[in-house]
Amino acid sequence: MAVQKNRKTRSKRDKRRTHQKIKKPAVSMDPLTGDIHLRHHVSPDGIYRGEQVVGVEPELDDD
């Protein structure tokens, strides 16, 4: 098992951690509807790259 011989300084530790930040998700806007969705994902309306690919059924109210 590897055990360090000398203590890492704050500077070396923080330089290593600079790449561990959270990135913003890549979003795009659908040209037909104007909906914002994740890239390479189907929009909430079921449209992908300008075509209807998933049929969205209307919600039924159970009153």
N, C-alpha and C. Protein backbone atom coordinates (compact mmCIF):
# COMPACT_ATOMS: atom_id res chain seq x y z
N MET A 1 0.84 -1.18 0.00
CA MET A 1 0.00 0.00 0.00
C MET A 1 0.89 1.24 0.00
N ALA A 2 0.55 2.19 -0.84
CA ALA A 2 1.38 3.39 -0.97
C ALA A 2 1.08 4.37 0.16
N VAL A 3 2.15 4.82 0.80
CA VAL A 3 2.04 5.80 1.87
C VAL A 3 3.02 6.92 1.54
N GLN A 4 2.55 8.15 1.59
CA GLN A 4 3.42 9.27 1.24
C GLN A 4 4.51 9.46 2.28
N LYS A 5 5.67 9.86 1.82
CA LYS A 5 6.80 10.05 2.72
C LYS A 5 6.80 11.44 3.32
N ASN A 6 6.42 12.43 2.51
CA ASN A 6 6.40 13.82 2.98
C ASN A 6 5.01 14.40 2.79
N ARG A 7 4.70 15.38 3.61
CA ARG A 7 3.39 16.03 3.55
C ARG A 7 3.26 16.88 2.29
N LYS A 8 2.09 16.82 1.64
CA LYS A 8 1.81 17.67 0.47
C LYS A 8 1.48 19.07 0.95
N THR A 9 2.01 20.08 0.28
CA THR A 9 1.72 21.45 0.65
C THR A 9 0.32 21.84 0.16
N ARG A 10 -0.22 22.92 0.73
CA ARG A 10 -1.53 23.41 0.31
C ARG A 10 -1.53 23.77 -1.17
N SER A 11 -0.44 24.32 -1.63
CA SER A 11 -0.34 24.74 -3.02
C SER A 11 -0.43 23.55 -3.97
N LYS A 12 0.31 22.51 -3.70
CA LYS A 12 0.27 21.31 -4.56
C LYS A 12 -1.10 20.65 -4.51
N ARG A 13 -1.68 20.59 -3.33
CA ARG A 13 -3.01 19.98 -3.17
C ARG A 13 -4.05 20.76 -3.97
N ASP A 14 -4.03 22.08 -3.85
CA ASP A 14 -5.03 22.90 -4.53
C ASP A 14 -4.84 22.91 -6.04
N LYS A 15 -3.60 22.83 -6.50
CA LYS A 15 -3.36 22.75 -7.95
C LYS A 15 -3.95 21.46 -8.52
N ARG A 16 -3.88 20.39 -7.78
CA ARG A 16 -4.43 19.12 -8.23
C ARG A 16 -5.96 19.19 -8.27
N ARG A 17 -6.55 19.93 -7.36
CA ARG A 17 -8.01 19.99 -7.26
C ARG A 17 -8.66 21.00 -8.21
N THR A 18 -7.87 21.77 -8.96
CA THR A 18 -8.45 22.80 -9.83
C THR A 18 -9.34 22.20 -10.91
N HIS A 19 -9.13 20.97 -11.30
CA HIS A 19 -9.89 20.36 -12.39
C HIS A 19 -11.14 19.65 -11.89
N GLN A 20 -11.42 19.68 -10.60
CA GLN A 20 -12.55 18.95 -10.04
C GLN A 20 -13.79 19.82 -9.89
N LYS A 21 -13.85 20.95 -10.59
CA LYS A 21 -14.99 21.84 -10.45
C LYS A 21 -16.19 21.30 -11.24
N ILE A 22 -17.36 21.75 -10.88
CA ILE A 22 -18.59 21.34 -11.55
C ILE A 22 -18.78 22.19 -12.79
N LYS A 23 -19.07 21.54 -13.92
CA LYS A 23 -19.27 22.26 -15.16
C LYS A 23 -20.76 22.47 -15.39
N LYS A 24 -21.10 23.54 -16.09
CA LYS A 24 -22.48 23.80 -16.45
C LYS A 24 -22.91 22.83 -17.54
N PRO A 25 -24.15 22.35 -17.51
CA PRO A 25 -24.60 21.45 -18.56
C PRO A 25 -24.72 22.18 -19.90
N ALA A 26 -24.41 21.47 -20.98
CA ALA A 26 -24.52 22.05 -22.32
C ALA A 26 -25.99 21.99 -22.74
N VAL A 27 -26.60 23.15 -22.91
CA VAL A 27 -28.00 23.20 -23.30
C VAL A 27 -28.12 23.84 -24.67
N SER A 28 -29.20 23.51 -25.37
CA SER A 28 -29.46 24.12 -26.66
C SER A 28 -30.94 24.44 -26.76
N MET A 29 -31.28 25.29 -27.73
CA MET A 29 -32.66 25.70 -27.90
C MET A 29 -33.20 25.08 -29.18
N ASP A 30 -34.39 24.48 -29.10
CA ASP A 30 -35.02 23.87 -30.26
C ASP A 30 -35.47 24.97 -31.21
N PRO A 31 -35.13 24.89 -32.51
CA PRO A 31 -35.48 25.97 -33.43
C PRO A 31 -36.98 26.09 -33.70
N LEU A 32 -37.73 24.99 -33.58
CA LEU A 32 -39.16 25.04 -33.86
C LEU A 32 -39.97 25.59 -32.69
N THR A 33 -39.76 25.03 -31.51
CA THR A 33 -40.58 25.38 -30.36
C THR A 33 -39.92 26.40 -29.44
N GLY A 34 -38.60 26.51 -29.49
CA GLY A 34 -37.90 27.44 -28.60
C GLY A 34 -37.66 26.87 -27.23
N ASP A 35 -37.91 25.57 -27.03
CA ASP A 35 -37.67 24.93 -25.74
C ASP A 35 -36.18 24.75 -25.51
N ILE A 36 -35.75 24.92 -24.28
CA ILE A 36 -34.36 24.70 -23.92
C ILE A 36 -34.25 23.29 -23.36
N HIS A 37 -33.27 22.51 -23.87
CA HIS A 37 -33.10 21.13 -23.43
C HIS A 37 -31.62 20.78 -23.46
N LEU A 38 -31.26 19.66 -22.85
CA LEU A 38 -29.89 19.20 -22.87
C LEU A 38 -29.50 18.80 -24.29
N ARG A 39 -28.26 19.02 -24.64
CA ARG A 39 -27.78 18.66 -25.98
C ARG A 39 -27.90 17.15 -26.17
N HIS A 40 -28.28 16.73 -27.36
CA HIS A 40 -28.41 15.32 -27.74
C HIS A 40 -29.44 14.58 -26.90
N HIS A 41 -30.42 15.30 -26.39
CA HIS A 41 -31.52 14.71 -25.63
C HIS A 41 -32.84 15.19 -26.24
N VAL A 42 -33.87 14.43 -26.02
CA VAL A 42 -35.20 14.79 -26.49
C VAL A 42 -35.76 15.89 -25.59
N SER A 43 -36.42 16.88 -26.18
CA SER A 43 -37.01 17.96 -25.40
C SER A 43 -38.24 17.43 -24.66
N PRO A 44 -38.75 18.16 -23.68
CA PRO A 44 -39.94 17.70 -22.94
C PRO A 44 -41.16 17.47 -23.82
N ASP A 45 -41.22 18.13 -24.99
CA ASP A 45 -42.34 17.95 -25.90
C ASP A 45 -42.18 16.72 -26.78
N GLY A 46 -41.04 16.03 -26.72
CA GLY A 46 -40.82 14.85 -27.54
C GLY A 46 -40.21 15.17 -28.89
N ILE A 47 -39.60 16.33 -29.03
CA ILE A 47 -39.00 16.74 -30.30
C ILE A 47 -37.49 16.64 -30.20
N TYR A 48 -36.87 16.04 -31.24
CA TYR A 48 -35.42 15.92 -31.31
C TYR A 48 -34.97 16.34 -32.70
N ARG A 49 -34.11 17.32 -32.78
CA ARG A 49 -33.57 17.87 -34.03
C ARG A 49 -34.67 18.26 -35.00
N GLY A 50 -35.74 18.86 -34.49
CA GLY A 50 -36.79 19.38 -35.33
C GLY A 50 -37.84 18.37 -35.74
N GLU A 51 -37.78 17.14 -35.25
CA GLU A 51 -38.75 16.11 -35.61
C GLU A 51 -39.41 15.56 -34.35
N GLN A 52 -40.70 15.24 -34.46
CA GLN A 52 -41.43 14.62 -33.35
C GLN A 52 -41.03 13.15 -33.29
N VAL A 53 -40.33 12.74 -32.24
CA VAL A 53 -39.86 11.36 -32.14
C VAL A 53 -40.59 10.58 -31.05
N VAL A 54 -41.18 11.27 -30.10
CA VAL A 54 -41.89 10.60 -29.01
C VAL A 54 -43.28 11.21 -28.92
N GLY A 55 -44.28 10.34 -28.94
CA GLY A 55 -45.65 10.83 -28.79
C GLY A 55 -45.94 11.13 -27.33
N VAL A 56 -46.36 12.33 -27.06
CA VAL A 56 -46.67 12.73 -25.69
C VAL A 56 -48.18 12.64 -25.51
N GLU A 57 -48.60 11.82 -24.56
CA GLU A 57 -50.03 11.66 -24.30
C GLU A 57 -50.50 12.75 -23.34
N PRO A 58 -51.71 13.26 -23.53
CA PRO A 58 -52.22 14.27 -22.60
C PRO A 58 -52.47 13.67 -21.22
N GLU A 59 -52.26 14.48 -20.19
CA GLU A 59 -52.46 13.99 -18.83
C GLU A 59 -53.95 13.89 -18.54
N LEU A 60 -54.34 12.84 -17.83
CA LEU A 60 -55.73 12.62 -17.45
C LEU A 60 -55.93 13.09 -16.02
N ASP A 61 -56.99 13.84 -15.79
CA ASP A 61 -57.30 14.30 -14.44
C ASP A 61 -58.18 13.26 -13.76
N ASP A 62 -57.77 12.82 -12.59
CA ASP A 62 -58.55 11.85 -11.80
C ASP A 62 -59.29 12.61 -10.71
N ASP A 63 -60.42 13.18 -11.06
CA ASP A 63 -61.22 13.91 -10.08
C ASP A 63 -62.38 13.11 -9.58
